Amino acid sequence: MQTRISTKGQVVLPKAIRDKRRWKAGTLLTVEDRPEGLLLKPVEKKKKLTIDDWAGILNYKGPPHTVEEMNAAIEKEVRRRHARGRY
């Protein structure tokens, strides 16, 4: 495969390569200049959270709620949203 640098200095990557690497439009790439050529790498995304990370976020310090209390809270929120015309 071959590609050409545009007059604006941009390089278009062939669709077959983008599909193979699962690089969608807007993917941010880092460019490294190596002796053997250029290396394109996607910028690492934010660290993925583990179960332990989530457990710390969701930590609740209080008495456990009953199923009836949770259902009442859900019903209250639904009524509130209906009153605002959201649904």
PDB file of N, CA and C in Angstrom:
ATOM      1  N   MET A   1       0.831  -1.184   0.000  1.00  0.00           N
ATOM      2  CA  MET A   1       0.000   0.000   0.000  1.00  0.00           C
ATOM      3  C   MET A   1       0.869   1.238   0.000  1.00  0.00           C
ATOM      4  N   GLN A   2       0.375   2.247  -0.650  1.00  0.00           N
ATOM      5  CA  GLN A   2       1.084   3.517  -0.689  1.00  0.00           C
ATOM      6  C   GLN A   2       0.107   4.639  -0.359  1.00  0.00           C
ATOM      7  N   THR A   3       0.645   5.705   0.188  1.00  0.00           N
ATOM      8  CA  THR A   3      -0.156   6.895   0.442  1.00  0.00           C
ATOM      9  C   THR A   3       0.704   8.106   0.152  1.00  0.00           C
ATOM     10  N   ARG A   4       0.075   9.240   0.082  1.00  0.00           N
ATOM     11  CA  ARG A   4       0.786  10.456  -0.287  1.00  0.00           C
ATOM     12  C   ARG A   4       0.539  11.520   0.773  1.00  0.00           C
ATOM     13  N   ILE A   5       1.531  12.365   1.021  1.00  0.00           N
ATOM     14  CA  ILE A   5       1.363  13.476   1.949  1.00  0.00           C
ATOM     15  C   ILE A   5       0.626  14.583   1.217  1.00  0.00           C
ATOM     16  N   SER A   6      -0.414  15.120   1.858  1.00  0.00           N
ATOM     17  CA  SER A   6      -1.219  16.170   1.233  1.00  0.00           C
ATOM     18  C   SER A   6      -0.462  17.497   1.244  1.00  0.00           C
ATOM     19  N   THR A   7      -1.013  18.482   0.559  1.00  0.00           N
ATOM     20  CA  THR A   7      -0.390  19.808   0.527  1.00  0.00           C
ATOM     21  C   THR A   7      -0.399  20.453   1.906  1.00  0.00           C
ATOM     22  N   LYS A   8      -1.273  19.984   2.776  1.00  0.00           N
ATOM     23  CA  LYS A   8      -1.327  20.496   4.145  1.00  0.00           C
ATOM     24  C   LYS A   8      -0.413  19.708   5.085  1.00  0.00           C
ATOM     25  N   GLY A   9       0.321  18.741   4.560  1.00  0.00           N
ATOM     26  CA  GLY A   9       1.243  17.953   5.367  1.00  0.00           C
ATOM     27  C   GLY A   9       0.581  16.803   6.106  1.00  0.00           C
ATOM     28  N   GLN A  10      -0.606  16.436   5.690  1.00  0.00           N
ATOM     29  CA  GLN A  10      -1.317  15.355   6.353  1.00  0.00           C
ATOM     30  C   GLN A  10      -1.110  14.046   5.603  1.00  0.00           C
ATOM     31  N   VAL A  11      -1.150  12.955   6.361  1.00  0.00           N
ATOM     32  CA  VAL A  11      -1.022  11.623   5.783  1.00  0.00           C
ATOM     33  C   VAL A  11      -2.354  10.908   5.959  1.00  0.00           C
ATOM     34  N   VAL A  12      -2.860  10.332   4.893  1.00  0.00           N
ATOM     35  CA  VAL A  12      -4.100   9.571   4.956  1.00  0.00           C
ATOM     36  C   VAL A  12      -3.730   8.104   5.093  1.00  0.00           C
ATOM     37  N   LEU A  13      -4.204   7.494   6.168  1.00  0.00           N
ATOM     38  CA  LEU A  13      -3.945   6.070   6.354  1.00  0.00           C
ATOM     39  C   LEU A  13      -5.011   5.274   5.618  1.00  0.00           C
ATOM     40  N   PRO A  14      -4.612   4.264   4.861  1.00  0.00           N
ATOM     41  CA  PRO A  14      -5.585   3.455   4.135  1.00  0.00           C
ATOM     42  C   PRO A  14      -6.602   2.807   5.080  1.00  0.00           C
ATOM     43  N   LYS A  15      -7.827   2.672   4.600  1.00  0.00           N
ATOM     44  CA  LYS A  15      -8.930   2.123   5.395  1.00  0.00           C
ATOM     45  C   LYS A  15      -8.619   0.723   5.910  1.00  0.00           C
ATOM     46  N   ALA A  16      -7.957  -0.095   5.100  1.00  0.00           N
ATOM     47  CA  ALA A  16      -7.637  -1.462   5.518  1.00  0.00           C
ATOM     48  C   ALA A  16      -6.758  -1.457   6.771  1.00  0.00           C
ATOM     49  N   ILE A  17      -5.806  -0.528   6.846  1.00  0.00           N
ATOM     50  CA  ILE A  17      -4.930  -0.444   8.012  1.00  0.00           C
ATOM     51  C   ILE A  17      -5.703   0.077   9.210  1.00  0.00           C
ATOM     52  N   ARG A  18      -6.524   1.117   9.009  1.00  0.00           N
ATOM     53  CA  ARG A  18      -7.327   1.661  10.114  1.00  0.00           C
ATOM     54  C   ARG A  18      -8.266   0.603  10.673  1.00  0.00           C
ATOM     55  N   ASP A  19      -8.894  -0.173   9.791  1.00  0.00           N
ATOM     56  CA  ASP A  19      -9.811  -1.231  10.243  1.00  0.00           C
ATOM     57  C   ASP A  19      -9.059  -2.324  11.001  1.00  0.00           C
ATOM     58  N   LYS A  20      -7.891  -2.706  10.495  1.00  0.00           N
ATOM     59  CA  LYS A  20      -7.102  -3.757  11.142  1.00  0.00           C
ATOM     60  C   LYS A  20      -6.688  -3.337  12.554  1.00  0.00           C
ATOM     61  N   ARG A  21      -6.331  -2.068  12.714  1.00  0.00           N
ATOM     62  CA  ARG A  21      -5.886  -1.559  14.017  1.00  0.00           C
ATOM     63  C   ARG A  21      -7.039  -1.061  14.881  1.00  0.00           C
ATOM     64  N   ARG A  22      -8.245  -1.044  14.299  1.00  0.00           N
ATOM     65  CA  ARG A  22      -9.441  -0.516  14.980  1.00  0.00           C
ATOM     66  C   ARG A  22      -9.254   0.939  15.382  1.00  0.00           C
ATOM     67  N   TRP A  23      -8.642   1.727  14.481  1.00  0.00           N
ATOM     68  CA  TRP A  23      -8.461   3.162  14.678  1.00  0.00           C
ATOM     69  C   TRP A  23      -9.617   3.869  14.007  1.00  0.00           C
ATOM     70  N   LYS A  24     -10.498   4.463  14.802  1.00  0.00           N
ATOM     71  CA  LYS A  24     -11.644   5.191  14.263  1.00  0.00           C
ATOM     72  C   LYS A  24     -11.238   6.633  14.001  1.00  0.00           C
ATOM     73  N   ALA A  25     -12.090   7.361  13.302  1.00  0.00           N
ATOM     74  CA  ALA A  25     -11.834   8.775  13.054  1.00  0.00           C
ATOM     75  C   ALA A  25     -11.681   9.489  14.387  1.00  0.00           C
ATOM     76  N   GLY A  26     -10.685  10.330  14.486  1.00  0.00           N
ATOM     77  CA  GLY A  26     -10.452  11.067  15.713  1.00  0.00           C
ATOM     78  C   GLY A  26      -9.476  10.390  16.665  1.00  0.00           C
ATOM     79  N   THR A  27      -8.967   9.214  16.296  1.00  0.00           N
ATOM     80  CA  THR A  27      -7.993   8.532  17.149  1.00  0.00           C
ATOM     81  C   THR A  27      -6.729   9.374  17.220  1.00  0.00           C
ATOM     82  N   LEU A  28      -6.258   9.634  18.427  1.00  0.00           N
ATOM     83  CA  LEU A  28      -5.061  10.438  18.632  1.00  0.00           C
ATOM     84  C   LEU A  28      -3.847   9.521  18.586  1.00  0.00           C
ATOM     85  N   LEU A  29      -2.891   9.859  17.724  1.00  0.00           N
ATOM     86  CA  LEU A  29      -1.701   9.032  17.552  1.00  0.00           C
ATOM     87  C   LEU A  29      -0.457   9.821  17.933  1.00  0.00           C
ATOM     88  N   THR A  30       0.513   9.134  18.530  1.00  0.00           N
ATOM     89  CA  THR A  30       1.827   9.742  18.749  1.00  0.00           C
ATOM     90  C   THR A  30       2.726   9.291  17.606  1.00  0.00           C
ATOM     91  N   VAL A  31       3.606  10.172  17.196  1.00  0.00           N
ATOM     92  CA  VAL A  31       4.526   9.871  16.105  1.00  0.00           C
ATOM     93  C   VAL A  31       5.929   9.850  16.676  1.00  0.00           C
ATOM     94  N   GLU A  32       6.615   8.722  16.512  1.00  0.00           N
ATOM     95  CA  GLU A  32       7.997   8.593  16.970  1.00  0.00           C
ATOM     96  C   GLU A  32       8.897   8.437  15.756  1.00  0.00           C
ATOM     97  N   ASP A  33       9.963   9.222  15.736  1.00  0.00           N
ATOM     98  CA  ASP A  33      10.935   9.144  14.649  1.00  0.00           C
ATOM     99  C   ASP A  33      11.975   8.107  15.033  1.00  0.00           C
ATOM    100  N   ARG A  34      12.013   7.011  14.317  1.00  0.00           N
ATOM    101  CA  ARG A  34      12.944   5.914  14.574  1.00  0.00           C
ATOM    102  C   ARG A  34      13.928   5.815  13.411  1.00  0.00           C
ATOM    103  N   PRO A  35      15.076   5.205  13.634  1.00  0.00           N
ATOM    104  CA  PRO A  35      16.044   5.056  12.532  1.00  0.00           C
ATOM    105  C   PRO A  35      15.467   4.296  11.339  1.00  0.00           C
ATOM    106  N   GLU A  36      14.581   3.342  11.611  1.00  0.00           N
ATOM    107  CA  GLU A  36      14.010   2.542  10.515  1.00  0.00           C
ATOM    108  C   GLU A  36      12.766   3.177   9.908  1.00  0.00           C
ATOM    109  N   GLY A  37      12.316   4.303  10.459  1.00  0.00           N
ATOM    110  CA  GLY A  37      11.144   4.982   9.911  1.00  0.00           C
ATOM    111  C   GLY A  37      10.305   5.601  11.019  1.00  0.00           C
ATOM    112  N   LEU A  38       9.087   5.959  10.688  1.00  0.00           N
ATOM    113  CA  LEU A  38       8.176   6.554  11.664  1.00  0.00           C
ATOM    114  C   LEU A  38       7.339   5.468  12.325  1.00  0.00           C
ATOM    115  N   LEU A  39       7.037   5.682  13.588  1.00  0.00           N
ATOM    116  CA  LEU A  39       6.201   4.751  14.335  1.00  0.00           C
ATOM    117  C   LEU A  39       4.980   5.502  14.820  1.00  0.00           C
ATOM    118  N   LEU A  40       3.793   5.024  14.447  1.00  0.00           N
ATOM    119  CA  LEU A  40       2.538   5.606  14.901  1.00  0.00           C
ATOM    120  C   LEU A  40       1.960   4.719  15.990  1.00  0.00           C
ATOM    121  N   LYS A  41       1.634   5.335  17.128  1.00  0.00           N
ATOM    122  CA  LYS A  41       1.037   4.584  18.225  1.00  0.00           C
ATOM    123  C   LYS A  41      -0.149   5.377  18.750  1.00  0.00           C
ATOM    124  N   PRO A  42      -1.254   4.682  19.044  1.00  0.00           N
ATOM    125  CA  PRO A  42      -2.371   5.403  19.652  1.00  0.00           C
ATOM    126  C   PRO A  42      -1.988   5.872  21.048  1.00  0.00           C
ATOM    127  N   VAL A  43      -2.441   7.070  21.405  1.00  0.00           N
ATOM    128  CA  VAL A  43      -2.182   7.596  22.738  1.00  0.00           C
ATOM    129  C   VAL A  43      -2.950   6.736  23.728  1.00  0.00           C
ATOM    130  N   GLU A  44      -2.284   6.380  24.812  1.00  0.00           N
ATOM    131  CA  GLU A  44      -2.922   5.524  25.808  1.00  0.00           C
ATOM    132  C   GLU A  44      -4.093   6.253  26.430  1.00  0.00           C
ATOM    133  N   LYS A  45      -5.185   5.541  26.557  1.00  0.00           N
ATOM    134  CA  LYS A  45      -6.366   6.102  27.182  1.00  0.00           C
ATOM    135  C   LYS A  45      -6.162   6.113  28.688  1.00  0.00           C
ATOM    136  N   LYS A  46      -7.115   6.705  29.371  1.00  0.00           N
ATOM    137  CA  LYS A  46      -7.036   6.718  30.824  1.00  0.00           C
ATOM    138  C   LYS A  46      -7.012   5.297  31.347  1.00  0.00           C
ATOM    139  N   LYS A  47      -6.406   5.150  32.508  1.00  0.00           N
ATOM    140  CA  LYS A  47      -6.310   3.839  33.134  1.00  0.00           C
ATOM    141  C   LYS A  47      -7.705   3.270  33.360  1.00  0.00           C
ATOM    142  N   LYS A  48      -7.885   2.021  33.001  1.00  0.00           N
ATOM    143  CA  LYS A  48      -9.153   1.358  33.239  1.00  0.00           C
ATOM    144  C   LYS A  48      -9.255   1.001  34.716  1.00  0.00           C
ATOM    145  N   LEU A  49     -10.429   1.251  35.283  1.00  0.00           N
ATOM    146  CA  LEU A  49     -10.639   0.972  36.692  1.00  0.00           C
ATOM    147  C   LEU A  49     -10.857  -0.522  36.923  1.00  0.00           C
ATOM    148  N   THR A  50     -10.341  -0.981  38.029  1.00  0.00           N
ATOM    149  CA  THR A  50     -10.537  -2.377  38.416  1.00  0.00           C
ATOM    150  C   THR A  50     -11.717  -2.452  39.382  1.00  0.00           C
ATOM    151  N   ILE A  51     -12.098  -3.660  39.736  1.00  0.00           N
ATOM    152  CA  ILE A  51     -13.184  -3.864  40.696  1.00  0.00           C
ATOM    153  C   ILE A  51     -12.831  -3.210  42.033  1.00  0.00           C
ATOM    154  N   ASP A  52     -11.573  -3.301  42.436  1.00  0.00           N
ATOM    155  CA  ASP A  52     -11.160  -2.699  43.706  1.00  0.00           C
ATOM    156  C   ASP A  52     -11.299  -1.177  43.665  1.00  0.00           C
ATOM    157  N   ASP A  53     -10.989  -0.566  42.507  1.00  0.00           N
ATOM    158  CA  ASP A  53     -11.152   0.882  42.369  1.00  0.00           C
ATOM    159  C   ASP A  53     -12.616   1.267  42.526  1.00  0.00           C
ATOM    160  N   TRP A  54     -13.502   0.527  41.883  1.00  0.00           N
ATOM    161  CA  TRP A  54     -14.935   0.811  41.972  1.00  0.00           C
ATOM    162  C   TRP A  54     -15.459   0.588  43.377  1.00  0.00           C
ATOM    163  N   ALA A  55     -14.952  -0.428  44.051  1.00  0.00           N
ATOM    164  CA  ALA A  55     -15.419  -0.708  45.401  1.00  0.00           C
ATOM    165  C   ALA A  55     -15.136   0.481  46.313  1.00  0.00           C
ATOM    166  N   GLY A  56     -14.009   1.149  46.116  1.00  0.00           N
ATOM    167  CA  GLY A  56     -13.693   2.329  46.916  1.00  0.00           C
ATOM    168  C   GLY A  56     -14.616   3.495  46.609  1.00  0.00           C
ATOM    169  N   ILE A  57     -15.023   3.637  45.363  1.00  0.00           N
ATOM    170  CA  ILE A  57     -15.913   4.720  44.959  1.00  0.00           C
ATOM    171  C   ILE A  57     -17.311   4.492  45.517  1.00  0.00           C
ATOM    172  N   LEU A  58     -17.759   3.267  45.488  1.00  0.00           N
ATOM    173  CA  LEU A  58     -19.129   2.945  45.857  1.00  0.00           C
ATOM    174  C   LEU A  58     -19.299   2.624  47.342  1.00  0.00           C
ATOM    175  N   ASN A  59     -18.272   2.862  48.107  1.00  0.00           N
ATOM    176  CA  ASN A  59     -18.323   2.519  49.515  1.00  0.00           C
ATOM    177  C   ASN A  59     -19.395   3.358  50.219  1.00  0.00           C
ATOM    178  N   TYR A  60     -20.362   2.710  50.837  1.00  0.00           N
ATOM    179  CA  TYR A  60     -21.470   3.374  51.528  1.00  0.00           C
ATOM    180  C   TYR A  60     -21.340   3.134  53.021  1.00  0.00           C
ATOM    181  N   LYS A  61     -21.365   4.214  53.781  1.00  0.00           N
ATOM    182  CA  LYS A  61     -21.237   4.095  55.227  1.00  0.00           C
ATOM    183  C   LYS A  61     -22.555   4.496  55.866  1.00  0.00           C
ATOM    184  N   GLY A  62     -23.399   3.560  56.069  1.00  0.00           N
ATOM    185  CA  GLY A  62     -24.691   3.820  56.670  1.00  0.00           C
ATOM    186  C   GLY A  62     -25.462   2.531  56.790  1.00  0.00           C
ATOM    187  N   PRO A  63     -26.653   2.618  57.357  1.00  0.00           N
ATOM    188  CA  PRO A  63     -27.444   1.390  57.488  1.00  0.00           C
ATOM    189  C   PRO A  63     -27.927   0.919  56.115  1.00  0.00           C
ATOM    190  N   PRO A  64     -28.023  -0.380  55.915  1.00  0.00           N
ATOM    191  CA  PRO A  64     -28.485  -0.878  54.618  1.00  0.00           C
ATOM    192  C   PRO A  64     -29.943  -0.490  54.370  1.00  0.00           C
ATOM    193  N   HIS A  65     -30.251  -0.208  53.108  1.00  0.00           N
ATOM    194  CA  HIS A  65     -31.618   0.140  52.734  1.00  0.00           C
ATOM    195  C   HIS A  65     -32.382  -1.126  52.369  1.00  0.00           C
ATOM    196  N   THR A  66     -33.659  -1.116  52.643  1.00  0.00           N
ATOM    197  CA  THR A  66     -34.495  -2.257  52.273  1.00  0.00           C
ATOM    198  C   THR A  66     -34.905  -2.121  50.813  1.00  0.00           C
ATOM    199  N   VAL A  67     -35.380  -3.199  50.241  1.00  0.00           N
ATOM    200  CA  VAL A  67     -35.859  -3.188  48.867  1.00  0.00           C
ATOM    201  C   VAL A  67     -37.027  -2.209  48.736  1.00  0.00           C
ATOM    202  N   GLU A  68     -37.870  -2.169  49.739  1.00  0.00           N
ATOM    203  CA  GLU A  68     -39.020  -1.259  49.712  1.00  0.00           C
ATOM    204  C   GLU A  68     -38.568   0.197  49.676  1.00  0.00           C
ATOM    205  N   GLU A  69     -37.530   0.540  50.455  1.00  0.00           N
ATOM    206  CA  GLU A  69     -36.999   1.911  50.447  1.00  0.00           C
ATOM    207  C   GLU A  69     -36.411   2.262  49.081  1.00  0.00           C
ATOM    208  N   MET A  70     -35.703   1.328  48.479  1.00  0.00           N
ATOM    209  CA  MET A  70     -35.118   1.574  47.157  1.00  0.00           C
ATOM    210  C   MET A  70     -36.212   1.751  46.113  1.00  0.00           C
ATOM    211  N   ASN A  71     -37.244   0.895  46.160  1.00  0.00           N
ATOM    212  CA  ASN A  71     -38.360   1.029  45.211  1.00  0.00           C
ATOM    213  C   ASN A  71     -39.081   2.357  45.392  1.00  0.00           C
ATOM    214  N   ALA A  72     -39.254   2.792  46.641  1.00  0.00           N
ATOM    215  CA  ALA A  72     -39.909   4.072  46.909  1.00  0.00           C
ATOM    216  C   ALA A  72     -39.081   5.227  46.352  1.00  0.00           C
ATOM    217  N   ALA A  73     -37.755   5.155  46.490  1.00  0.00           N
ATOM    218  CA  ALA A  73     -36.881   6.208  45.965  1.00  0.00           C
ATOM    219  C   ALA A  73     -36.954   6.263  44.439  1.00  0.00           C
ATOM    220  N   ILE A  74     -36.994   5.108  43.788  1.00  0.00           N
ATOM    221  CA  ILE A  74     -37.103   5.052  42.327  1.00  0.00           C
ATOM    222  C   ILE A  74     -38.437   5.635  41.885  1.00  0.00           C
ATOM    223  N   GLU A  75     -39.509   5.259  42.562  1.00  0.00           N
ATOM    224  CA  GLU A  75     -40.837   5.768  42.210  1.00  0.00           C
ATOM    225  C   GLU A  75     -40.900   7.284  42.393  1.00  0.00           C
ATOM    226  N   LYS A  76     -40.293   7.787  43.458  1.00  0.00           N
ATOM    227  CA  LYS A  76     -40.271   9.225  43.708  1.00  0.00           C
ATOM    228  C   LYS A  76     -39.547   9.961  42.574  1.00  0.00           C
ATOM    229  N   GLU A  77     -38.422   9.422  42.133  1.00  0.00           N
ATOM    230  CA  GLU A  77     -37.663  10.056  41.043  1.00  0.00           C
ATOM    231  C   GLU A  77     -38.431  10.015  39.726  1.00  0.00           C
ATOM    232  N   VAL A  78     -39.088   8.897  39.444  1.00  0.00           N
ATOM    233  CA  VAL A  78     -39.890   8.792  38.218  1.00  0.00           C
ATOM    234  C   VAL A  78     -41.004   9.828  38.233  1.00  0.00           C
ATOM    235  N   ARG A  79     -41.681   9.958  39.361  1.00  0.00           N
ATOM    236  CA  ARG A  79     -42.758  10.957  39.479  1.00  0.00           C
ATOM    237  C   ARG A  79     -42.207  12.375  39.297  1.00  0.00           C
ATOM    238  N   ARG A  80     -41.038  12.637  39.869  1.00  0.00           N
ATOM    239  CA  ARG A  80     -40.423  13.958  39.734  1.00  0.00           C
ATOM    240  C   ARG A  80     -40.117  14.269  38.267  1.00  0.00           C
ATOM    241  N   ARG A  81     -39.584  13.281  37.555  1.00  0.00           N
ATOM    242  CA  ARG A  81     -39.241  13.500  36.141  1.00  0.00           C
ATOM    243  C   ARG A  81     -40.505  13.650  35.292  1.00  0.00           C
ATOM    244  N   HIS A  82     -41.536  12.905  35.601  1.00  0.00           N
ATOM    245  CA  HIS A  82     -42.790  13.048  34.870  1.00  0.00           C
ATOM    246  C   HIS A  82     -43.374  14.438  35.103  1.00  0.00           C
ATOM    247  N   ALA A  83     -43.277  14.927  36.313  1.00  0.00           N
ATOM    248  CA  ALA A  83     -43.808  16.254  36.641  1.00  0.00           C
ATOM    249  C   ALA A  83     -43.068  17.348  35.868  1.00  0.00           C
ATOM    250  N   ARG A  84     -41.805  17.134  35.560  1.00  0.00           N
ATOM    251  CA  ARG A  84     -41.022  18.099  34.788  1.00  0.00           C
ATOM    252  C   ARG A  84     -41.260  17.959  33.289  1.00  0.00           C
ATOM    253  N   GLY A  85     -42.016  16.932  32.890  1.00  0.00           N
ATOM    254  CA  GLY A  85     -42.279  16.723  31.473  1.00  0.00           C
ATOM    255  C   GLY A  85     -41.148  16.028  30.736  1.00  0.00           C
ATOM    256  N   ARG A  86     -40.320  15.306  31.457  1.00  0.00           N
ATOM    257  CA  ARG A  86     -39.197  14.612  30.805  1.00  0.00           C
ATOM    258  C   ARG A  86     -39.650  13.417  30.021  1.00  0.00           C
ATOM    259  N   TYR A  87     -40.794  12.823  30.409  1.00  0.00           N
ATOM    260  CA  TYR A  87     -41.230  11.599  29.743  1.00  0.00           C
ATOM    261  C   TYR A  87     -42.642  11.759  29.227  1.00  0.00           C
TER     262      TYR A  87
END
